[in-house]
């Protein structure tokens, strides 16, 4: 499946959303704090819908409180091969690739979500100046 796909990562759009992102995303977290922060937020009903790496390896997240029945899978700090394996697993009709960040070191961070919540989550990303990721079929 992935042999015929190209992935277009999420993009940060220029404009007035820089201040909003800087105030709404988590602080930049070191690797040892990353999993603890995500686990804590998941326990209170918040799930990352976007995560990104800084050039020095820190991570920050944008969290959202989706409806309880929403499927969300978050994988950060993965190689391309690991990302593709997760994408293939999540390519079922009821799951969509929502966001993807690729660091300068080729580290992949992605979020998949239930198809029925994709448009809502994508509109939240848009409010923060972040585009959803795209799978593009290639020939």
C-alpha atoms as a PDB file:
ATOM      1  CA  UNK A   1       0.000   0.000   0.000  1.00  0.00           C
ATOM      2  CA  UNK A   2       2.634   2.567   1.022  1.00  0.00           C
ATOM      3  CA  UNK A   3       4.602   1.908  -2.188  1.00  0.00           C
ATOM      4  CA  UNK A   4       1.944   3.889  -4.041  1.00  0.00           C
ATOM      5  CA  UNK A   5       1.607   6.690  -1.484  1.00  0.00           C
ATOM      6  CA  UNK A   6       3.383   9.930  -0.812  1.00  0.00           C
ATOM      7  CA  UNK A   7       2.808  11.679   2.486  1.00  0.00           C
ATOM      8  CA  UNK A   8       2.437  15.443   2.683  1.00  0.00           C
ATOM      9  CA  UNK A   9       3.137  16.584   6.260  1.00  0.00           C
ATOM     10  CA  UNK A  10       1.066  19.178   8.033  1.00  0.00           C
ATOM     11  CA  UNK A  11       2.244  22.718   7.397  1.00  0.00           C
ATOM     12  CA  UNK A  12       2.341  25.733   9.680  1.00  0.00           C
ATOM     13  CA  UNK A  13       0.683  28.538   7.755  1.00  0.00           C
ATOM     14  CA  UNK A  14       2.117  32.038   8.035  1.00  0.00           C
ATOM     15  CA  UNK A  15      -0.049  34.678   9.595  1.00  0.00           C
ATOM     16  CA  UNK A  16      -1.730  35.735  12.768  1.00  0.00           C
ATOM     17  CA  UNK A  17      -1.831  32.296  14.401  1.00  0.00           C
ATOM     18  CA  UNK A  18       1.777  32.291  15.687  1.00  0.00           C
ATOM     19  CA  UNK A  19       0.814  33.883  19.006  1.00  0.00           C
ATOM     20  CA  UNK A  20      -2.177  31.544  19.396  1.00  0.00           C
ATOM     21  CA  UNK A  21       0.011  28.469  18.780  1.00  0.00           C
ATOM     22  CA  UNK A  22       2.664  29.689  21.207  1.00  0.00           C
ATOM     23  CA  UNK A  23       0.031  30.155  23.922  1.00  0.00           C
ATOM     24  CA  UNK A  24      -2.054  27.037  23.191  1.00  0.00           C
ATOM     25  CA  UNK A  25       0.499  24.329  22.461  1.00  0.00           C
ATOM     26  CA  UNK A  26       2.265  22.713  25.382  1.00  0.00           C
ATOM     27  CA  UNK A  27       5.647  24.017  26.333  1.00  0.00           C
ATOM     28  CA  UNK A  28       8.536  22.313  24.577  1.00  0.00           C
ATOM     29  CA  UNK A  29       9.058  18.975  26.357  1.00  0.00           C
ATOM     30  CA  UNK A  30      12.171  16.855  26.599  1.00  0.00           C
ATOM     31  CA  UNK A  31      12.019  13.198  25.598  1.00  0.00           C
ATOM     32  CA  UNK A  32      11.719  12.034  29.222  1.00  0.00           C
ATOM     33  CA  UNK A  33       8.644  14.240  29.810  1.00  0.00           C
ATOM     34  CA  UNK A  34       6.878  13.544  26.506  1.00  0.00           C
ATOM     35  CA  UNK A  35       5.143  10.260  27.373  1.00  0.00           C
ATOM     36  CA  UNK A  36       4.202  11.381  30.882  1.00  0.00           C
ATOM     37  CA  UNK A  37       2.555  14.535  29.512  1.00  0.00           C
ATOM     38  CA  UNK A  38       0.568  12.618  26.896  1.00  0.00           C
ATOM     39  CA  UNK A  39      -0.496   9.946  29.404  1.00  0.00           C
ATOM     40  CA  UNK A  40      -1.614  12.557  31.947  1.00  0.00           C
ATOM     41  CA  UNK A  41      -3.631  14.476  29.356  1.00  0.00           C
ATOM     42  CA  UNK A  42      -5.232  11.297  27.984  1.00  0.00           C
ATOM     43  CA  UNK A  43      -6.346  10.449  31.541  1.00  0.00           C
ATOM     44  CA  UNK A  44      -8.267  13.729  31.712  1.00  0.00           C
ATOM     45  CA  UNK A  45      -9.774  13.288  28.231  1.00  0.00           C
ATOM     46  CA  UNK A  46      -7.362  15.376  26.166  1.00  0.00           C
ATOM     47  CA  UNK A  47      -5.662  13.908  23.098  1.00  0.00           C
ATOM     48  CA  UNK A  48      -2.944  15.431  20.937  1.00  0.00           C
ATOM     49  CA  UNK A  49      -4.131  16.302  17.452  1.00  0.00           C
ATOM     50  CA  UNK A  50      -0.771  17.718  16.402  1.00  0.00           C
ATOM     51  CA  UNK A  51       2.783  17.312  17.667  1.00  0.00           C
ATOM     52  CA  UNK A  52       6.052  18.683  16.399  1.00  0.00           C
ATOM     53  CA  UNK A  53       9.773  18.431  17.130  1.00  0.00           C
ATOM     54  CA  UNK A  54      12.164  21.332  17.503  1.00  0.00           C
ATOM     55  CA  UNK A  55      15.613  21.198  15.896  1.00  0.00           C
ATOM     56  CA  UNK A  56      17.104  20.282  19.295  1.00  0.00           C
ATOM     57  CA  UNK A  57      14.758  17.310  19.853  1.00  0.00           C
ATOM     58  CA  UNK A  58      12.096  18.850  22.068  1.00  0.00           C
ATOM     59  CA  UNK A  59       8.406  18.137  21.418  1.00  0.00           C
ATOM     60  CA  UNK A  60       5.250  20.199  21.793  1.00  0.00           C
ATOM     61  CA  UNK A  61       1.597  19.232  21.401  1.00  0.00           C
ATOM     62  CA  UNK A  62      -1.806  20.703  20.636  1.00  0.00           C
ATOM     63  CA  UNK A  63      -4.469  18.880  22.681  1.00  0.00           C
ATOM     64  CA  UNK A  64      -8.211  18.496  22.040  1.00  0.00           C
ATOM     65  CA  UNK A  65     -11.077  16.948  24.001  1.00  0.00           C
ATOM     66  CA  UNK A  66     -12.877  14.808  21.369  1.00  0.00           C
ATOM     67  CA  UNK A  67     -16.160  12.948  21.901  1.00  0.00           C
ATOM     68  CA  UNK A  68     -15.654   9.758  23.945  1.00  0.00           C
ATOM     69  CA  UNK A  69     -16.223   7.399  21.033  1.00  0.00           C
ATOM     70  CA  UNK A  70     -13.481   8.976  18.927  1.00  0.00           C
ATOM     71  CA  UNK A  71     -10.563   6.742  17.994  1.00  0.00           C
ATOM     72  CA  UNK A  72      -7.254   8.598  18.348  1.00  0.00           C
ATOM     73  CA  UNK A  73      -3.779   7.158  17.870  1.00  0.00           C
ATOM     74  CA  UNK A  74      -0.692   9.252  18.522  1.00  0.00           C
ATOM     75  CA  UNK A  75       2.799   8.158  17.545  1.00  0.00           C
ATOM     76  CA  UNK A  76       5.728  10.504  17.938  1.00  0.00           C
ATOM     77  CA  UNK A  77       9.455  10.056  17.501  1.00  0.00           C
ATOM     78  CA  UNK A  78       9.208   7.310  14.850  1.00  0.00           C
ATOM     79  CA  UNK A  79      11.323   6.404  11.847  1.00  0.00           C
ATOM     80  CA  UNK A  80       9.775   6.451   8.372  1.00  0.00           C
ATOM     81  CA  UNK A  81       9.421   2.658   8.446  1.00  0.00           C
ATOM     82  CA  UNK A  82       7.660   2.760  11.823  1.00  0.00           C
ATOM     83  CA  UNK A  83       5.375   5.562  10.632  1.00  0.00           C
ATOM     84  CA  UNK A  84       4.414   3.627   7.490  1.00  0.00           C
ATOM     85  CA  UNK A  85       3.627   0.515   9.558  1.00  0.00           C
ATOM     86  CA  UNK A  86       1.311   2.544  11.808  1.00  0.00           C
ATOM     87  CA  UNK A  87      -0.273   4.226   8.799  1.00  0.00           C
ATOM     88  CA  UNK A  88      -0.978   0.893   7.143  1.00  0.00           C
ATOM     89  CA  UNK A  89      -2.591  -0.367  10.354  1.00  0.00           C
ATOM     90  CA  UNK A  90      -4.731   2.775  10.601  1.00  0.00           C
ATOM     91  CA  UNK A  91      -5.733   2.960   6.937  1.00  0.00           C
ATOM     92  CA  UNK A  92      -9.040   1.244   7.652  1.00  0.00           C
ATOM     93  CA  UNK A  93     -12.064   3.154   6.313  1.00  0.00           C
ATOM     94  CA  UNK A  94     -13.001   4.495   9.741  1.00  0.00           C
ATOM     95  CA  UNK A  95      -9.564   6.041  10.490  1.00  0.00           C
ATOM     96  CA  UNK A  96      -7.814   8.982   8.857  1.00  0.00           C
ATOM     97  CA  UNK A  97      -4.325  10.427   9.057  1.00  0.00           C
ATOM     98  CA  UNK A  98      -4.959  13.816  10.653  1.00  0.00           C
ATOM     99  CA  UNK A  99      -1.564  15.363  11.217  1.00  0.00           C
ATOM    100  CA  UNK A 100       2.034  14.577  10.436  1.00  0.00           C
ATOM    101  CA  UNK A 101       5.231  16.360  11.405  1.00  0.00           C
ATOM    102  CA  UNK A 102       8.616  15.336  10.012  1.00  0.00           C
ATOM    103  CA  UNK A 103      11.598  16.778  11.844  1.00  0.00           C
ATOM    104  CA  UNK A 104      14.812  17.883  10.189  1.00  0.00           C
ATOM    105  CA  UNK A 105      16.288  14.582  11.411  1.00  0.00           C
ATOM    106  CA  UNK A 106      13.557  12.603   9.596  1.00  0.00           C
ATOM    107  CA  UNK A 107      11.664  11.744  12.774  1.00  0.00           C
ATOM    108  CA  UNK A 108       7.929  11.251  12.166  1.00  0.00           C
ATOM    109  CA  UNK A 109       5.121  12.229  14.521  1.00  0.00           C
ATOM    110  CA  UNK A 110       1.564  11.524  13.454  1.00  0.00           C
ATOM    111  CA  UNK A 111      -2.028  11.454  14.678  1.00  0.00           C
ATOM    112  CA  UNK A 112      -4.813   9.275  13.262  1.00  0.00           C
ATOM    113  CA  UNK A 113      -8.463   9.864  14.102  1.00  0.00           C
ATOM    114  CA  UNK A 114     -11.914   8.380  13.490  1.00  0.00           C
ATOM    115  CA  UNK A 115     -13.235   9.437  10.098  1.00  0.00           C
ATOM    116  CA  UNK A 116     -16.429  10.832  11.652  1.00  0.00           C
ATOM    117  CA  UNK A 117     -14.388  13.363  13.678  1.00  0.00           C
ATOM    118  CA  UNK A 118     -11.824  14.184  10.992  1.00  0.00           C
ATOM    119  CA  UNK A 119     -13.501  17.359   9.675  1.00  0.00           C
ATOM    120  CA  UNK A 120     -13.991  18.742  13.180  1.00  0.00           C
ATOM    121  CA  UNK A 121     -10.385  18.041  14.145  1.00  0.00           C
ATOM    122  CA  UNK A 122      -9.107  19.478  10.837  1.00  0.00           C
ATOM    123  CA  UNK A 123     -11.073  22.684  11.469  1.00  0.00           C
ATOM    124  CA  UNK A 124      -9.458  22.959  14.913  1.00  0.00           C
ATOM    125  CA  UNK A 125      -6.034  22.585  13.317  1.00  0.00           C
ATOM    126  CA  UNK A 126      -6.968  25.268  10.770  1.00  0.00           C
ATOM    127  CA  UNK A 127      -7.863  27.687  13.575  1.00  0.00           C
ATOM    128  CA  UNK A 128      -4.266  27.292  14.784  1.00  0.00           C
ATOM    129  CA  UNK A 129      -2.808  27.701  11.295  1.00  0.00           C
ATOM    130  CA  UNK A 130      -1.936  24.014  10.855  1.00  0.00           C
ATOM    131  CA  UNK A 131      -2.929  22.045   7.772  1.00  0.00           C
ATOM    132  CA  UNK A 132      -3.967  18.398   8.004  1.00  0.00           C
ATOM    133  CA  UNK A 133      -1.585  15.781   6.609  1.00  0.00           C
ATOM    134  CA  UNK A 134      -2.367  14.161   3.288  1.00  0.00           C
ATOM    135  CA  UNK A 135      -1.888  10.761   1.731  1.00  0.00           C
ATOM    136  CA  UNK A 136      -1.394  11.199  -2.002  1.00  0.00           C
ATOM    137  CA  UNK A 137      -1.615   8.204  -4.340  1.00  0.00           C
ATOM    138  CA  UNK A 138       1.283   7.986  -6.782  1.00  0.00           C
ATOM    139  CA  UNK A 139       1.589   5.923  -9.933  1.00  0.00           C
END
